[in-house]
């Protein structure tokens, strides 16, 4: 069952904004997180992920941010 949380404060937009700011495509984020592009797309449109999916996405984005920081200072 897929659940929408329209009251979640900016989460879908935050995920997409971070992904784009880090220069990651959905395919890149899929490869880094192990979460399918379909789920990432659903998350960016407001669908609630499982805890494991949310954790994997957060870890992948954090790793990409650290790599970017090292690369560009």
Protein backbone atom coordinates (compact mmCIF):
# COMPACT_ATOMS: atom_id res chain seq x y z
CA UNK A 1 0.00 0.00 0.00
CA UNK A 2 1.30 3.46 -0.92
CA UNK A 3 0.55 6.30 1.44
CA UNK A 4 0.67 10.00 0.72
CA UNK A 5 1.51 12.50 3.42
CA UNK A 6 0.50 15.90 2.11
CA UNK A 7 1.38 17.46 5.46
CA UNK A 8 5.04 16.42 5.44
CA UNK A 9 6.93 19.71 5.52
CA UNK A 10 8.81 19.96 2.25
CA UNK A 11 10.18 16.43 2.28
CA UNK A 12 9.55 15.59 -1.40
CA UNK A 13 10.90 18.96 -2.50
CA UNK A 14 13.88 18.64 -0.19
CA UNK A 15 14.86 15.25 -1.59
CA UNK A 16 14.65 16.48 -5.17
CA UNK A 17 16.37 19.78 -4.36
CA UNK A 18 19.26 18.01 -2.64
CA UNK A 19 19.58 15.47 -5.44
CA UNK A 20 19.70 18.19 -8.08
CA UNK A 21 22.01 20.44 -6.05
CA UNK A 22 24.45 17.55 -5.81
CA UNK A 23 24.23 16.96 -9.55
CA UNK A 24 22.68 13.52 -9.15
CA UNK A 25 20.20 12.02 -11.57
CA UNK A 26 17.61 9.57 -10.31
CA UNK A 27 19.75 6.84 -11.87
CA UNK A 28 22.78 8.06 -9.86
CA UNK A 29 20.78 8.12 -6.63
CA UNK A 30 19.40 4.67 -7.39
CA UNK A 31 22.94 3.32 -7.83
CA UNK A 32 24.18 4.97 -4.64
CA UNK A 33 21.21 4.05 -2.45
CA UNK A 34 19.90 0.77 -3.82
CA UNK A 35 16.43 2.33 -3.92
CA UNK A 36 14.70 2.04 -7.29
CA UNK A 37 14.10 5.08 -9.47
CA UNK A 38 10.37 4.38 -9.25
CA UNK A 39 10.48 4.70 -5.45
CA UNK A 40 12.68 7.82 -5.64
CA UNK A 41 10.23 9.36 -8.09
CA UNK A 42 7.32 8.46 -5.81
CA UNK A 43 9.13 9.99 -2.83
CA UNK A 44 9.75 13.20 -4.78
CA UNK A 45 6.02 13.35 -5.49
CA UNK A 46 5.06 12.93 -1.84
CA UNK A 47 4.75 9.19 -1.30
CA UNK A 48 6.03 7.96 2.04
CA UNK A 49 8.99 5.56 1.84
CA UNK A 50 9.72 2.74 4.23
CA UNK A 51 12.18 3.53 7.00
CA UNK A 52 14.85 1.51 5.21
CA UNK A 53 14.30 3.40 1.95
CA UNK A 54 14.41 6.77 3.71
CA UNK A 55 17.61 5.79 5.51
CA UNK A 56 19.26 4.59 2.29
CA UNK A 57 18.36 7.80 0.46
CA UNK A 58 19.58 9.96 3.37
CA UNK A 59 22.89 8.08 3.56
CA UNK A 60 23.41 8.30 -0.20
CA UNK A 61 22.72 12.04 -0.23
CA UNK A 62 24.99 12.61 2.77
CA UNK A 63 27.81 10.65 1.12
CA UNK A 64 27.39 12.62 -2.10
CA UNK A 65 27.47 15.88 -0.13
CA UNK A 66 30.69 14.88 1.63
CA UNK A 67 32.27 13.93 -1.70
CA UNK A 68 31.20 17.24 -3.20
CA UNK A 69 32.61 19.13 -0.24
CA UNK A 70 35.96 17.37 -0.59
CA UNK A 71 36.02 17.96 -4.32
CA UNK A 72 35.00 21.62 -4.33
CA UNK A 73 35.87 22.68 -0.80
